[in-house]
PDB file of N, CA and C in Angstrom:
ATOM      1  N   MET A   1     -46.790  -9.517 -14.090  1.00  0.00           N
ATOM      2  CA  MET A   1     -46.918  -9.741 -12.664  1.00  0.00           C
ATOM      3  C   MET A   1     -46.113 -10.965 -12.237  1.00  0.00           C
ATOM      4  N   LYS A   2     -46.219 -12.045 -13.037  1.00  0.00           N
ATOM      5  CA  LYS A   2     -45.498 -13.265 -12.693  1.00  0.00           C
ATOM      6  C   LYS A   2     -43.996 -13.063 -12.808  1.00  0.00           C
ATOM      7  N   SER A   3     -43.573 -12.282 -13.798  1.00  0.00           N
ATOM      8  CA  SER A   3     -42.132 -12.060 -13.961  1.00  0.00           C
ATOM      9  C   SER A   3     -41.569 -11.214 -12.822  1.00  0.00           C
ATOM     10  N   SER A   4     -42.326 -10.268 -12.321  1.00  0.00           N
ATOM     11  CA  SER A   4     -41.835  -9.450 -11.203  1.00  0.00           C
ATOM     12  C   SER A   4     -41.745 -10.277  -9.921  1.00  0.00           C
ATOM     13  N   ILE A   5     -42.666 -11.216  -9.718  1.00  0.00           N
ATOM     14  CA  ILE A   5     -42.599 -12.097  -8.556  1.00  0.00           C
ATOM     15  C   ILE A   5     -41.376 -13.005  -8.667  1.00  0.00           C
ATOM     16  N   ALA A   6     -41.097 -13.488  -9.870  1.00  0.00           N
ATOM     17  CA  ALA A   6     -39.929 -14.337 -10.079  1.00  0.00           C
ATOM     18  C   ALA A   6     -38.631 -13.565  -9.833  1.00  0.00           C
ATOM     19  N   ILE A   7     -38.584 -12.323 -10.256  1.00  0.00           N
ATOM     20  CA  ILE A   7     -37.388 -11.499 -10.051  1.00  0.00           C
ATOM     21  C   ILE A   7     -37.180 -11.222  -8.564  1.00  0.00           C
ATOM     22  N   ILE A   8     -38.233 -10.892  -7.865  1.00  0.00           N
ATOM     23  CA  ILE A   8     -38.132 -10.614  -6.427  1.00  0.00           C
ATOM     24  C   ILE A   8     -37.716 -11.867  -5.669  1.00  0.00           C
ATOM     25  N   THR A   9     -38.288 -13.009  -6.028  1.00  0.00           N
ATOM     26  CA  THR A   9     -37.923 -14.262  -5.377  1.00  0.00           C
ATOM     27  C   THR A   9     -36.459 -14.605  -5.638  1.00  0.00           C
ATOM     28  N   SER A  10     -36.016 -14.420  -6.864  1.00  0.00           N
ATOM     29  CA  SER A  10     -34.614 -14.684  -7.199  1.00  0.00           C
ATOM     30  C   SER A  10     -33.681 -13.753  -6.430  1.00  0.00           C
ATOM     31  N   ALA A  11     -34.044 -12.500  -6.322  1.00  0.00           N
ATOM     32  CA  ALA A  11     -33.220 -11.540  -5.591  1.00  0.00           C
ATOM     33  C   ALA A  11     -33.128 -11.917  -4.118  1.00  0.00           C
ATOM     34  N   ILE A  12     -34.204 -12.365  -3.530  1.00  0.00           N
ATOM     35  CA  ILE A  12     -34.207 -12.770  -2.126  1.00  0.00           C
ATOM     36  C   ILE A  12     -33.322 -14.005  -1.928  1.00  0.00           C
ATOM     37  N   VAL A  13     -33.439 -14.974  -2.836  1.00  0.00           N
ATOM     38  CA  VAL A  13     -32.624 -16.188  -2.727  1.00  0.00           C
ATOM     39  C   VAL A  13     -31.145 -15.844  -2.864  1.00  0.00           C
ATOM     40  N   ILE A  14     -30.798 -15.001  -3.814  1.00  0.00           N
ATOM     41  CA  ILE A  14     -29.400 -14.598  -4.012  1.00  0.00           C
ATOM     42  C   ILE A  14     -28.889 -13.847  -2.787  1.00  0.00           C
ATOM     43  N   LEU A  15     -29.696 -12.989  -2.199  1.00  0.00           N
ATOM     44  CA  LEU A  15     -29.305 -12.252  -1.010  1.00  0.00           C
ATOM     45  C   LEU A  15     -29.051 -13.195   0.170  1.00  0.00           C
ATOM     46  N   ILE A  16     -29.923 -14.172   0.353  1.00  0.00           N
ATOM     47  CA  ILE A  16     -29.762 -15.141   1.444  1.00  0.00           C
ATOM     48  C   ILE A  16     -28.488 -15.958   1.242  1.00  0.00           C
ATOM     49  N   VAL A  17     -28.238 -16.406   0.020  1.00  0.00           N
ATOM     50  CA  VAL A  17     -27.027 -17.190  -0.259  1.00  0.00           C
ATOM     51  C   VAL A  17     -25.779 -16.335  -0.035  1.00  0.00           C
ATOM     52  N   ALA A  18     -25.810 -15.085  -0.441  1.00  0.00           N
ATOM     53  CA  ALA A  18     -24.649 -14.206  -0.268  1.00  0.00           C
ATOM     54  C   ALA A  18     -24.361 -13.959   1.212  1.00  0.00           C
ATOM     55  N   VAL A  19     -25.387 -13.727   1.993  1.00  0.00           N
ATOM     56  CA  VAL A  19     -25.193 -13.496   3.429  1.00  0.00           C
ATOM     57  C   VAL A  19     -24.683 -14.762   4.102  1.00  0.00           C
ATOM     58  N   TYR A  20     -25.239 -15.904   3.750  1.00  0.00           N
ATOM     59  CA  TYR A  20     -24.808 -17.177   4.337  1.00  0.00           C
ATOM     60  C   TYR A  20     -23.350 -17.475   3.982  1.00  0.00           C
ATOM     61  N   ALA A  21     -22.990 -17.262   2.735  1.00  0.00           N
ATOM     62  CA  ALA A  21     -21.614 -17.516   2.301  1.00  0.00           C
ATOM     63  C   ALA A  21     -20.648 -16.536   2.965  1.00  0.00           C
ATOM     64  N   GLY A  22     -21.053 -15.308   3.139  1.00  0.00           N
ATOM     65  CA  GLY A  22     -20.209 -14.316   3.786  1.00  0.00           C
ATOM     66  C   GLY A  22     -19.929 -14.642   5.238  1.00  0.00           C
ATOM     67  N   ARG A  23     -20.869 -15.259   5.900  1.00  0.00           N
ATOM     68  CA  ARG A  23     -20.658 -15.635   7.297  1.00  0.00           C
ATOM     69  C   ARG A  23     -19.788 -16.878   7.422  1.00  0.00           C
ATOM     70  N   LYS A  24     -19.885 -17.778   6.472  1.00  0.00           N
ATOM     71  CA  LYS A  24     -19.114 -19.016   6.542  1.00  0.00           C
ATOM     72  C   LYS A  24     -17.664 -18.822   6.123  1.00  0.00           C
ATOM     73  N   LEU A  25     -17.429 -17.986   5.126  1.00  0.00           N
ATOM     74  CA  LEU A  25     -16.073 -17.764   4.635  1.00  0.00           C
ATOM     75  C   LEU A  25     -15.407 -16.668   5.454  1.00  0.00           C
ATOM     76  N   LYS A  26     -14.161 -16.889   5.804  1.00  0.00           N
ATOM     77  CA  LYS A  26     -13.420 -15.880   6.545  1.00  0.00           C
ATOM     78  C   LYS A  26     -12.169 -15.529   5.755  1.00  0.00           C
ATOM     79  N   LEU A  27     -11.694 -14.311   5.960  1.00  0.00           N
ATOM     80  CA  LEU A  27     -10.488 -13.877   5.280  1.00  0.00           C
ATOM     81  C   LEU A  27      -9.277 -14.607   5.850  1.00  0.00           C
ATOM     82  N   SER A  28      -8.285 -14.689   5.055  1.00  0.00           N
ATOM     83  CA  SER A  28      -7.037 -15.309   5.472  1.00  0.00           C
ATOM     84  C   SER A  28      -6.414 -14.505   6.608  1.00  0.00           C
ATOM     85  N   PRO A  29      -5.746 -15.164   7.542  1.00  0.00           N
ATOM     86  CA  PRO A  29      -5.131 -14.416   8.634  1.00  0.00           C
ATOM     87  C   PRO A  29      -4.002 -13.494   8.196  1.00  0.00           C
ATOM     88  N   ARG A  30      -3.538 -13.626   6.972  1.00  0.00           N
ATOM     89  CA  ARG A  30      -2.467 -12.725   6.520  1.00  0.00           C
ATOM     90  C   ARG A  30      -2.953 -11.290   6.414  1.00  0.00           C
ATOM     91  N   TYR A  31      -4.258 -11.081   6.390  1.00  0.00           N
ATOM     92  CA  TYR A  31      -4.798  -9.734   6.316  1.00  0.00           C
ATOM     93  C   TYR A  31      -4.993  -9.120   7.697  1.00  0.00           C
ATOM     94  N   ASP A  32      -4.835  -9.909   8.757  1.00  0.00           N
ATOM     95  CA  ASP A  32      -4.947  -9.382  10.103  1.00  0.00           C
ATOM     96  C   ASP A  32      -3.635  -8.713  10.472  1.00  0.00           C
ATOM     97  N   ARG A  33      -3.733  -7.494  10.926  1.00  0.00           N
ATOM     98  CA  ARG A  33      -2.528  -6.763  11.283  1.00  0.00           C
ATOM     99  C   ARG A  33      -2.262  -6.934  12.768  1.00  0.00           C
ATOM    100  N   THR A  34      -1.097  -7.425  13.092  1.00  0.00           N
ATOM    101  CA  THR A  34      -0.688  -7.564  14.482  1.00  0.00           C
ATOM    102  C   THR A  34       0.664  -6.878  14.649  1.00  0.00           C
ATOM    103  N   PRO A  35       0.856  -6.242  15.785  1.00  0.00           N
ATOM    104  CA  PRO A  35       2.142  -5.574  15.994  1.00  0.00           C
ATOM    105  C   PRO A  35       3.260  -6.592  16.181  1.00  0.00           C
ATOM    106  N   LYS A  36       4.459  -6.233  15.740  1.00  0.00           N
ATOM    107  CA  LYS A  36       5.591  -7.146  15.862  1.00  0.00           C
ATOM    108  C   LYS A  36       6.143  -7.168  17.280  1.00  0.00           C
ATOM    109  N   SER A  37       5.959  -6.087  18.017  1.00  0.00           N
ATOM    110  CA  SER A  37       6.395  -6.051  19.408  1.00  0.00           C
ATOM    111  C   SER A  37       5.309  -5.357  20.224  1.00  0.00           C
ATOM    112  N   LEU A  38       5.200  -5.738  21.474  1.00  0.00           N
ATOM    113  CA  LEU A  38       4.192  -5.137  22.343  1.00  0.00           C
ATOM    114  C   LEU A  38       4.706  -3.817  22.908  1.00  0.00           C
ATOM    115  N   ASN A  39       3.913  -2.781  22.746  1.00  0.00           N
ATOM    116  CA  ASN A  39       4.230  -1.560  23.464  1.00  0.00           C
ATOM    117  C   ASN A  39       3.404  -1.574  24.756  1.00  0.00           C
ATOM    118  N   SER A  40       3.536  -0.541  25.570  1.00  0.00           N
ATOM    119  CA  SER A  40       2.871  -0.579  26.876  1.00  0.00           C
ATOM    120  C   SER A  40       1.348  -0.584  26.740  1.00  0.00           C
ATOM    121  N   TRP A  41       0.813   0.075  25.713  1.00  0.00           N
ATOM    122  CA  TRP A  41      -0.638   0.092  25.547  1.00  0.00           C
ATOM    123  C   TRP A  41      -1.157  -1.276  25.119  1.00  0.00           C
ATOM    124  N   ASP A  42      -0.468  -1.921  24.194  1.00  0.00           N
ATOM    125  CA  ASP A  42      -0.883  -3.252  23.762  1.00  0.00           C
ATOM    126  C   ASP A  42      -0.728  -4.266  24.890  1.00  0.00           C
ATOM    127  N   ALA A  43       0.294  -4.095  25.698  1.00  0.00           N
ATOM    128  CA  ALA A  43       0.481  -4.994  26.830  1.00  0.00           C
ATOM    129  C   ALA A  43      -0.689  -4.861  27.802  1.00  0.00           C
ATOM    130  N   LEU A  44      -1.143  -3.642  28.035  1.00  0.00           N
ATOM    131  CA  LEU A  44      -2.296  -3.443  28.911  1.00  0.00           C
ATOM    132  C   LEU A  44      -3.544  -4.108  28.338  1.00  0.00           C
ATOM    133  N   ASN A  45      -3.718  -4.034  27.023  1.00  0.00           N
ATOM    134  CA  ASN A  45      -4.874  -4.664  26.397  1.00  0.00           C
ATOM    135  C   ASN A  45      -4.843  -6.176  26.548  1.00  0.00           C
ATOM    136  N   LYS A  46      -3.662  -6.763  26.612  1.00  0.00           N
ATOM    137  CA  LYS A  46      -3.533  -8.208  26.766  1.00  0.00           C
ATOM    138  C   LYS A  46      -3.448  -8.630  28.221  1.00  0.00           C
ATOM    139  N   GLY A  47      -3.571  -7.679  29.142  1.00  0.00           N
ATOM    140  CA  GLY A  47      -3.569  -8.002  30.561  1.00  0.00           C
ATOM    141  C   GLY A  47      -2.181  -8.092  31.172  1.00  0.00           C
ATOM    142  N   ILE A  48      -1.189  -7.558  30.497  1.00  0.00           N
ATOM    143  CA  ILE A  48       0.187  -7.585  31.011  1.00  0.00           C
ATOM    144  C   ILE A  48       0.469  -6.228  31.649  1.00  0.00           C
ATOM    145  N   ASP A  49       0.940  -6.238  32.877  1.00  0.00           N
ATOM    146  CA  ASP A  49       1.234  -4.997  33.563  1.00  0.00           C
ATOM    147  C   ASP A  49       2.605  -4.479  33.120  1.00  0.00           C
ATOM    148  N   PRO A  50       2.670  -3.348  32.420  1.00  0.00           N
ATOM    149  CA  PRO A  50       3.953  -2.872  31.914  1.00  0.00           C
ATOM    150  C   PRO A  50       4.874  -2.350  33.007  1.00  0.00           C
ATOM    151  N   SER A  51       4.337  -2.090  34.197  1.00  0.00           N
ATOM    152  CA  SER A  51       5.192  -1.602  35.273  1.00  0.00           C
ATOM    153  C   SER A  51       6.014  -2.715  35.903  1.00  0.00           C
ATOM    154  N   ASP A  52       5.606  -3.970  35.669  1.00  0.00           N
ATOM    155  CA  ASP A  52       6.369  -5.108  36.162  1.00  0.00           C
ATOM    156  C   ASP A  52       7.457  -5.429  35.159  1.00  0.00           C
ATOM    157  N   GLU A  53       8.643  -4.855  35.367  1.00  0.00           N
ATOM    158  CA  GLU A  53       9.743  -5.108  34.452  1.00  0.00           C
ATOM    159  C   GLU A  53      10.482  -6.340  34.920  1.00  0.00           C
ATOM    160  N   LYS A  54      10.726  -7.227  34.000  1.00  0.00           N
ATOM    161  CA  LYS A  54      11.467  -8.435  34.326  1.00  0.00           C
ATOM    162  C   LYS A  54      12.955  -8.137  34.304  1.00  0.00           C
ATOM    163  N   SER A  55      13.613  -8.500  35.364  1.00  0.00           N
ATOM    164  CA  SER A  55      15.059  -8.269  35.392  1.00  0.00           C
ATOM    165  C   SER A  55      15.761  -9.418  34.676  1.00  0.00           C
ATOM    166  N   THR A  56      16.702  -9.074  33.833  1.00  0.00           N
ATOM    167  CA  THR A  56      17.415 -10.104  33.080  1.00  0.00           C
ATOM    168  C   THR A  56      18.825 -10.257  33.558  1.00  0.00           C
TER     169      THR A  56
END
């Protein structure tokens, strides 16, 4: 009985530490995928109106 309580307590502590560490650590930004150029759909998502063409 005492050993099962110790195992359950250890499992709970390990679970809490794992969840806490997972929230604190973040992946490197190199894994975030971003487009190299904006297409009209991505421009709309960023609040840029694609119908407003800038004359060069």
